[in-house]
Every structure is written in C-alpha cells, then in structure tokens.
Amino acid sequence: MSVAGLKKQFHKASQFVSEKVGGAEGTKLDDEFLDMERKVDITNKAVMDMVVKTQEYLQPNPASRAKLGMLNTMSKIRGQVKSTGYPQPEGLLGESMIRHGRDLGEDTNFGLALVEVGEALRQLAEVKDALDIGVKQNFIDPLQSLQDKELKEIGQHLKKLEGRRLDFDYKKKRQGKIPNEEIRQSAEKFEESKEVAESSMHNMLESDVEQVSQLVALVEAQVEFHQQAASVFEGLQQKLQERLEEASSRPRREFNPKRVFSELELPDSGSQNGGISGGVCNTAVLSAKSPGQSTSLLWNVSHFFWSEGRVRCELKDDKERVELIQHGRAC
C-alpha cells in the first residue's frame, strides 16, 4: 500500500474512533437513502434465512442434509454434473413395506396391502423429488443469485461509501490544515459513491416483482405436489377399501390342527414289567366295549400298556381292563 493509501486509512480510522468514542457527529445522509439502506439490509437477512429454512423444509433431517452436501461436494470434485437427491423418508418407508409385504406372500391380505401402500409411498417419494427440484430451480437458486450478486454488490458500494464519508469528515474538520482542493476532491468522491449506492439500492428494490414471482413459483410447486400426493393416496384409499370389503366378506377358514403323530405309536415290546413306565395320565377319552355300554365315556386312566398286540389301559376307579378302541388327547 502506498503512503497516500496509508494516510487515507489513518484518516478513516481516526474519524471512526472520534465518532464512536468521542461522540463526534459525521455527515448525515437523507432519510430516503437511509430508508432504502434499511430495506436492503432486511432483504439481505430475509434471503439468507429463507434459503436455509427452505432447505430444512424440503429435508428436515440434518444428517441427510450433511450427507447430501458431502456427496455433492465429492461429485463436483470428480467432475460429475448430476447431483445426488435427498433420500426421501417416504421412499424409505415404502421400500420397507414392499420388502416385508413380499416376504409375507400374496396369500395374505396384510402382505398384499403392505405392497400396495409401499408402492404408493414410493410414488410419493418421486413426487417429492420433483418438488425439491422445482423449488430449488425456481426459488432457492434465484434467491441465492440475488444474494451473491446484487446484494453483495450493494454491500460493497455501501462499504465504499462509508469509507469515503469518514475520509471526507476527517478532512472537513481539519479545514485550513488540509488544502481545500483535497477536501473538494474528497467531497466529490463521497457524492459519487452515494449516487452509485443509492442507484443500485433503488434498482434492486424496484425489481422486487422478481422476488414475488419466485414466491409464486414456490406456492405453485407446493400446490402441484399436494395435488399429486392427494391423487396417489385417493387411489390407494380406494384399493385398500376394496381389499378390506373383500377380506371381510370372505368366510373364515376352519382351523384343523394337525397332530404330530396320526396314531399312538408304541414299541412292539414294553418295558421289563410288561407296561409303559411313566405313562401316567390324569384323564383320557376312551370308547370302550363292555357289557351294557355303547357310548364313549370319560375314564380315569392309571397307565397304558401293551398286551397281545393291542394298546390297553388300566382304570383308576375299578381297575377293570378294557380294550382301547379309540383314544383321545391326554390331559
């Protein structure tokens, strides 16, 4: 930096300290300029906040946003143009339902219903992808461009204006010690910077119809998304209602439990005492052929044993041995 540049920086710093610490009063700008400056500052803050909040709205999961940012950065480094999309939670839920529904099989109402709901959620994820792309192209990107170009340029103009104002105020207060020509040149530069900053702010504020059109694009994307989502779910609701009515009208299948053994399987030879040791039951249903009886009775069985090629049992009450024709499940 040249000596003249160092002197100018010293003048600005000296004037700044005298205003902030010493309470010196600097040159006042007109109210219209100050109002435009206030609106530009608010617009800048609004744009910054909306860009961040819209991204959070499209993808609430911070872990997914961080992962996506890392993947997109790596794609740019590798020279890949196409960026990776958000892993939509609707799509993840739909894939889970489809997988488990297919595992259950097509012979179950629940399995078929899971597949249908999963397919609908997968369609919704595709609709959500379209929403993300539309909002990014027609809302986020234009706002980001406004911030990176126009608002950044206005900020530079205002910063330059403030520096020239400090320089002018420093020289004006030292009039007599500083040549008038130098003060006049400083005033001209200050006036020039004010006009440039004022003009750029005016043009940006007057073109706010562009920001309104971007908000319209955001709302239109939302309307289209919700209409398509409603269409997907209305079709799904009708399918599920038909499946529910069909399942409700279908007669229940009678449950017939299958026994592990179709008949009592015993060895040809019994234990050493001729019976089956440990085969004691509380009760068994027996159909017995005995004098004066032709119906099945409920007997108290002491134990079963094998004799003469037949399964026989001994009763607890009268110790009468009867030939087992048909036996039930032991309690």
Protein backbone atom coordinates (compact mmCIF):
# COMPACT_ATOMS: atom_id res chain seq x y z
CA MET A 1 0.00 0.00 0.00
CA SER A 2 1.26 3.44 -0.92
CA VAL A 3 1.91 6.27 1.52
CA ALA A 4 -1.24 8.09 0.32
CA GLY A 5 -3.23 4.94 0.91
CA LEU A 6 -1.87 4.54 4.42
CA LYS A 7 -2.71 8.18 5.18
CA LYS A 8 -6.28 7.67 3.95
CA GLN A 9 -6.71 4.57 6.11
CA PHE A 10 -5.39 6.52 9.09
CA HIS A 11 -7.88 9.32 8.42
CA LYS A 12 -10.79 6.86 8.29
CA ALA A 13 -9.75 5.08 11.47
CA SER A 14 -9.24 8.35 13.32
CA GLN A 15 -12.65 9.67 12.29
CA PHE A 16 -14.34 6.38 13.15
CA VAL A 17 -12.86 6.37 16.68
CA SER A 18 -13.79 10.00 17.24
CA GLU A 19 -17.42 9.25 16.28
CA LYS A 20 -17.79 6.02 18.26
CA VAL A 21 -15.79 7.01 21.32
CA GLY A 22 -15.68 10.78 21.33
CA GLY A 23 -19.27 11.26 20.13
CA ALA A 24 -18.28 13.32 17.09
CA GLU A 25 -21.06 13.76 14.56
CA GLY A 26 -20.45 12.71 10.97
CA THR A 27 -22.16 13.78 7.76
CA LYS A 28 -25.84 12.77 7.79
CA LEU A 29 -27.43 11.17 4.76
CA ASP A 30 -31.02 11.94 3.72
CA ASP A 31 -33.96 9.93 5.10
CA GLU A 32 -34.82 8.39 1.75
CA PHE A 33 -31.32 6.98 1.43
CA LEU A 34 -31.43 5.63 4.99
CA ASP A 35 -34.83 4.01 4.38
CA MET A 36 -33.55 2.26 1.25
CA GLU A 37 -30.49 1.10 3.17
CA ARG A 38 -32.71 -0.33 5.91
CA LYS A 39 -34.90 -2.20 3.40
CA VAL A 40 -31.87 -3.61 1.60
CA ASP A 41 -30.44 -4.84 4.88
CA ILE A 42 -33.73 -6.54 5.78
CA THR A 43 -33.95 -8.09 2.30
CA ASN A 44 -30.45 -9.48 2.64
CA LYS A 45 -31.25 -11.06 6.01
CA ALA A 46 -34.57 -12.42 4.70
CA VAL A 47 -32.91 -14.03 1.68
CA MET A 48 -30.20 -15.66 3.79
CA ASP A 49 -32.78 -17.00 6.24
CA MET A 50 -35.21 -18.22 3.57
CA VAL A 51 -32.54 -20.15 1.68
CA VAL A 52 -31.54 -22.05 4.83
CA LYS A 53 -35.09 -22.57 6.11
CA THR A 54 -36.38 -23.75 2.71
CA GLN A 55 -33.65 -26.38 2.53
CA GLU A 56 -34.61 -27.52 6.03
CA TYR A 57 -38.26 -27.60 4.98
CA LEU A 58 -37.52 -29.79 1.98
CA GLN A 59 -35.32 -32.13 4.01
CA PRO A 60 -35.82 -31.83 7.80
CA ASN A 61 -33.22 -34.49 8.63
CA PRO A 62 -29.90 -32.68 9.32
CA ALA A 63 -27.94 -35.92 8.90
CA SER A 64 -29.36 -36.38 5.40
CA ARG A 65 -28.57 -32.77 4.51
CA ALA A 66 -24.98 -33.17 5.72
CA LYS A 67 -24.58 -36.45 3.83
CA LEU A 68 -26.05 -34.93 0.69
CA GLY A 69 -23.76 -31.90 0.93
CA MET A 70 -20.72 -34.16 1.25
CA LEU A 71 -21.81 -36.31 -1.71
CA ASN A 72 -22.49 -33.27 -3.90
CA THR A 73 -19.10 -31.79 -2.99
CA MET A 74 -17.37 -35.05 -3.92
CA SER A 75 -19.36 -35.16 -7.18
CA LYS A 76 -18.13 -31.66 -8.08
CA ILE A 77 -14.54 -32.63 -7.28
CA ARG A 78 -14.86 -35.69 -9.52
CA GLY A 79 -16.41 -33.60 -12.28
CA GLN A 80 -19.84 -35.23 -12.08
CA VAL A 81 -22.57 -32.83 -13.15
CA LYS A 82 -25.58 -34.70 -11.79
CA SER A 83 -26.07 -34.21 -8.07
CA THR A 84 -27.41 -36.77 -5.64
CA GLY A 85 -31.01 -36.38 -4.47
CA TYR A 86 -32.30 -36.44 -0.94
CA PRO A 87 -33.17 -39.91 0.45
CA GLN A 88 -36.88 -39.19 0.83
CA PRO A 89 -38.35 -40.69 4.05
CA GLU A 90 -41.50 -41.64 2.11
CA GLY A 91 -39.40 -43.75 -0.23
CA LEU A 92 -37.53 -45.44 2.62
CA LEU A 93 -40.80 -46.33 4.36
CA GLY A 94 -42.29 -47.56 1.08
CA GLU A 95 -39.32 -49.84 0.35
CA SER A 96 -39.59 -51.33 3.84
CA MET A 97 -43.31 -52.06 3.39
CA ILE A 98 -42.79 -53.63 -0.05
CA ARG A 99 -40.00 -55.86 1.24
CA HIS A 100 -41.96 -57.16 4.23
CA GLY A 101 -45.17 -57.49 2.23
CA ARG A 102 -43.47 -59.71 -0.33
CA ASP A 103 -41.96 -61.77 2.47
CA LEU A 104 -45.45 -62.38 3.87
CA GLY A 105 -46.66 -63.56 0.47
CA GLU A 106 -49.58 -62.90 -1.82
CA ASP A 107 -51.86 -65.32 0.05
CA THR A 108 -52.24 -62.87 2.97
CA ASN A 109 -54.36 -59.72 2.99
CA PHE A 110 -51.81 -57.89 5.12
CA GLY A 111 -48.94 -58.75 2.78
CA LEU A 112 -50.81 -57.52 -0.31
CA ALA A 113 -51.90 -54.34 1.49
CA LEU A 114 -48.31 -53.64 2.58
CA VAL A 115 -47.11 -53.90 -1.02
CA GLU A 116 -49.85 -51.55 -2.25
CA VAL A 117 -49.13 -48.92 0.42
CA GLY A 118 -45.39 -49.25 -0.21
CA GLU A 119 -45.84 -48.69 -3.94
CA ALA A 120 -47.91 -45.56 -3.22
CA LEU A 121 -45.25 -44.20 -0.87
CA ARG A 122 -42.61 -44.86 -3.49
CA GLN A 123 -44.66 -42.81 -5.98
CA LEU A 124 -44.97 -40.07 -3.36
CA ALA A 125 -41.19 -40.03 -2.97
CA GLU A 126 -40.86 -39.43 -6.73
CA VAL A 127 -43.37 -36.58 -6.48
CA LYS A 128 -41.36 -35.17 -3.57
CA ASP A 129 -38.20 -35.34 -5.68
CA ALA A 130 -39.96 -33.28 -8.34
CA LEU A 131 -40.95 -30.76 -5.67
CA ASP A 132 -37.36 -30.48 -4.46
CA ILE A 133 -36.05 -29.88 -7.97
CA GLY A 134 -38.74 -27.32 -8.80
CA VAL A 135 -38.30 -25.35 -5.57
CA LYS A 136 -34.52 -25.37 -5.92
CA GLN A 137 -34.56 -24.17 -9.54
CA ASN A 138 -37.35 -21.60 -9.27
CA PHE A 139 -36.98 -20.34 -5.70
CA ILE A 140 -33.74 -21.18 -3.91
CA ASP A 141 -31.37 -20.63 -6.85
CA PRO A 142 -32.79 -17.17 -7.80
CA LEU A 143 -32.62 -16.04 -4.17
CA GLN A 144 -29.07 -17.33 -3.90
CA SER A 145 -28.18 -15.46 -7.07
CA LEU A 146 -29.75 -12.27 -5.69
CA GLN A 147 -27.66 -12.59 -2.56
CA ASP A 148 -24.41 -13.49 -4.34
CA LYS A 149 -24.66 -10.73 -6.96
CA GLU A 150 -26.92 -7.75 -6.40
CA LEU A 151 -26.97 -7.70 -2.61
CA LYS A 152 -23.25 -8.39 -2.43
CA GLU A 153 -22.58 -5.59 -4.90
CA ILE A 154 -24.78 -3.17 -2.93
CA GLY A 155 -22.89 -4.10 0.22
CA GLN A 156 -19.61 -3.26 -1.45
CA HIS A 157 -20.98 0.10 -2.62
CA LEU A 158 -22.20 0.94 0.89
CA LYS A 159 -18.88 -0.07 2.42
CA LYS A 160 -17.02 2.14 -0.05
CA LEU A 161 -19.43 5.00 0.64
CA GLU A 162 -18.85 4.75 4.38
CA GLY A 163 -15.09 4.82 3.89
CA ARG A 164 -15.25 7.94 1.72
CA ARG A 165 -17.61 9.60 4.19
CA LEU A 166 -15.15 9.05 7.03
CA ASP A 167 -12.33 10.40 4.88
CA PHE A 168 -14.35 13.49 3.93
CA ASP A 169 -15.45 14.21 7.51
CA TYR A 170 -11.86 13.90 8.77
CA LYS A 171 -10.58 16.41 6.19
CA LYS A 172 -13.56 18.76 6.59
CA LYS A 173 -12.91 19.12 10.33
CA ARG A 174 -9.32 19.98 9.59
CA GLN A 175 -10.11 22.63 7.06
CA GLY A 176 -7.24 25.13 6.94
CA LYS A 177 -4.73 22.44 7.74
CA ILE A 178 -5.66 20.45 4.66
CA PRO A 179 -5.78 22.12 1.23
CA ASN A 180 -9.29 22.98 0.02
CA GLU A 181 -8.71 21.17 -3.24
CA GLU A 182 -8.08 17.95 -1.39
CA ILE A 183 -11.26 18.48 0.63
CA ARG A 184 -13.21 19.21 -2.58
CA GLN A 185 -11.95 16.05 -4.22
CA SER A 186 -12.87 14.04 -1.15
CA ALA A 187 -16.40 15.52 -1.21
CA GLU A 188 -16.79 14.68 -4.90
CA LYS A 189 -15.76 11.08 -4.32
CA PHE A 190 -18.16 10.86 -1.39
CA GLU A 191 -21.01 12.23 -3.54
CA GLU A 192 -20.14 9.85 -6.36
CA SER A 193 -20.22 6.81 -4.08
CA LYS A 194 -23.55 7.91 -2.63
CA GLU A 195 -25.12 8.12 -6.08
CA VAL A 196 -23.80 4.71 -7.09
CA ALA A 197 -25.00 3.04 -3.86
CA GLU A 198 -28.35 4.83 -3.99
CA SER A 199 -28.92 3.85 -7.61
CA SER A 200 -28.09 0.18 -7.02
CA MET A 201 -30.41 0.02 -3.98
CA HIS A 202 -33.20 1.73 -5.91
CA ASN A 203 -32.91 -0.69 -8.83
CA MET A 204 -32.94 -3.72 -6.57
CA LEU A 205 -35.94 -2.55 -4.53
CA GLU A 206 -37.89 -1.58 -7.64
CA SER A 207 -37.36 -5.03 -9.15
CA ASP A 208 -38.95 -6.79 -6.18
CA VAL A 209 -41.57 -8.15 -8.60
CA GLU A 210 -38.97 -10.83 -9.34
CA GLN A 211 -38.98 -11.90 -5.71
CA VAL A 212 -42.78 -12.01 -5.76
CA SER A 213 -42.67 -14.23 -8.85
CA GLN A 214 -40.25 -16.54 -7.02
CA LEU A 215 -42.70 -16.82 -4.13
CA VAL A 216 -45.43 -17.63 -6.66
CA ALA A 217 -43.22 -20.41 -8.04
CA LEU A 218 -42.77 -21.79 -4.52
CA VAL A 219 -46.52 -21.84 -3.88
CA GLU A 220 -47.28 -23.36 -7.29
CA ALA A 221 -44.78 -26.15 -6.65
CA GLN A 222 -46.46 -26.83 -3.31
CA VAL A 223 -49.93 -26.91 -4.88
CA GLU A 224 -48.80 -29.33 -7.58
CA PHE A 225 -47.10 -31.56 -5.02
CA HIS A 226 -50.13 -31.76 -2.76
CA GLN A 227 -52.49 -32.37 -5.68
CA GLN A 228 -50.37 -35.26 -6.93
CA ALA A 229 -49.96 -36.60 -3.39
CA ALA A 230 -53.74 -36.45 -2.87
CA SER A 231 -54.27 -38.29 -6.16
CA VAL A 232 -51.86 -41.05 -5.13
CA PHE A 233 -53.49 -41.51 -1.73
CA GLU A 234 -57.05 -41.34 -3.06
CA GLY A 235 -56.28 -44.21 -5.43
CA LEU A 236 -54.60 -46.10 -2.61
CA GLN A 237 -57.56 -45.49 -0.29
CA GLN A 238 -59.97 -46.95 -2.84
CA LYS A 239 -57.80 -50.05 -3.33
CA LEU A 240 -57.48 -50.63 0.39
CA GLN A 241 -61.21 -50.16 0.94
CA GLU A 242 -62.00 -52.75 -1.74
CA ARG A 243 -59.47 -55.14 -0.22
CA LEU A 244 -60.97 -54.59 3.24
CA GLU A 245 -64.51 -55.33 2.00
CA GLU A 246 -63.29 -58.42 0.15
CA ALA A 247 -61.42 -59.70 3.20
CA SER A 248 -64.40 -59.02 5.50
CA SER A 249 -66.86 -60.89 3.24
CA ARG A 250 -64.60 -63.89 2.77
CA PRO A 251 -65.61 -66.81 5.08
CA ARG A 252 -63.12 -67.73 7.71
CA ARG A 253 -61.27 -70.95 7.07
CA GLU A 254 -61.86 -73.60 9.68
CA PHE A 255 -58.78 -74.39 11.65
CA ASN A 256 -57.99 -78.08 11.90
CA PRO A 257 -54.86 -78.66 13.95
CA LYS A 258 -52.67 -81.42 12.69
CA ARG A 259 -51.29 -83.91 15.20
CA VAL A 260 -47.62 -84.67 15.26
CA PHE A 261 -48.48 -88.44 15.24
CA SER A 262 -51.53 -89.74 13.40
CA GLU A 263 -51.95 -92.58 15.93
CA LEU A 264 -50.33 -93.63 19.13
CA GLU A 265 -47.03 -95.16 18.20
CA LEU A 266 -45.65 -97.60 20.74
CA PRO A 267 -42.89 -100.21 20.54
CA ASP A 268 -43.69 -103.85 19.93
CA SER A 269 -42.32 -104.83 23.30
CA GLY A 270 -42.96 -102.99 26.50
CA SER A 271 -40.69 -102.33 29.41
CA GLN A 272 -39.40 -105.09 31.66
CA ASN A 273 -42.61 -105.14 33.75
CA GLY A 274 -44.74 -105.52 30.55
CA GLY A 275 -46.13 -101.96 30.67
CA ILE A 276 -45.12 -98.48 29.72
CA SER A 277 -43.42 -96.96 32.73
CA GLY A 278 -44.11 -93.34 33.43
CA GLY A 279 -47.07 -93.21 31.03
CA VAL A 280 -49.46 -91.94 33.69
CA CYS A 281 -52.22 -89.54 32.67
CA ASN A 282 -54.97 -87.84 34.61
CA THR A 283 -57.78 -88.48 32.10
CA ALA A 284 -58.35 -89.80 28.60
CA VAL A 285 -61.43 -90.18 26.43
CA LEU A 286 -61.97 -93.87 25.68
CA SER A 287 -64.52 -95.68 23.58
CA ALA A 288 -64.88 -98.98 25.37
CA LYS A 289 -66.71 -102.17 24.56
CA SER A 290 -68.03 -103.51 27.81
CA PRO A 291 -71.34 -105.11 28.76
CA GLY A 292 -74.20 -102.64 28.84
CA GLN A 293 -72.22 -99.72 27.33
CA SER A 294 -72.20 -98.49 23.75
CA THR A 295 -71.08 -94.82 24.06
CA SER A 296 -67.78 -93.14 24.75
CA LEU A 297 -67.11 -92.42 28.42
CA LEU A 298 -64.64 -90.33 30.34
CA TRP A 299 -62.32 -92.58 32.29
CA ASN A 300 -59.61 -92.00 34.85
CA VAL A 301 -56.60 -93.80 33.42
CA SER A 302 -53.84 -95.14 35.59
CA HIS A 303 -51.50 -96.11 32.78
CA PHE A 304 -51.34 -97.57 29.28
CA PHE A 305 -49.63 -100.86 28.49
CA TRP A 306 -49.05 -103.15 25.53
CA SER A 307 -50.63 -106.57 25.63
CA GLU A 308 -51.48 -109.15 22.97
CA GLY A 309 -50.68 -106.73 20.16
CA ARG A 310 -53.10 -104.06 21.37
CA VAL A 311 -52.89 -100.88 23.42
CA ARG A 312 -54.68 -101.39 26.68
CA CYS A 313 -55.16 -99.25 29.77
CA GLU A 314 -55.86 -99.72 33.44
CA LEU A 315 -58.52 -97.58 35.10
CA LYS A 316 -58.16 -95.95 38.49
CA ASP A 317 -61.70 -96.43 39.71
CA ASP A 318 -62.47 -100.13 39.33
CA LYS A 319 -59.19 -101.45 37.92
CA GLU A 320 -61.17 -103.03 35.08
CA ARG A 321 -59.11 -103.57 31.96
CA VAL A 322 -60.85 -102.65 28.77
CA GLU A 323 -59.72 -102.88 25.22
CA LEU A 324 -58.82 -99.46 23.80
CA ILE A 325 -60.70 -98.93 20.57
CA GLN A 326 -60.13 -95.20 20.17
CA HIS A 327 -58.23 -92.85 22.47
CA GLY A 328 -58.32 -89.03 22.82
CA ARG A 329 -55.69 -86.46 23.81
CA ALA A 330 -54.29 -86.98 27.33
CA CYS A 331 -54.76 -84.06 29.75
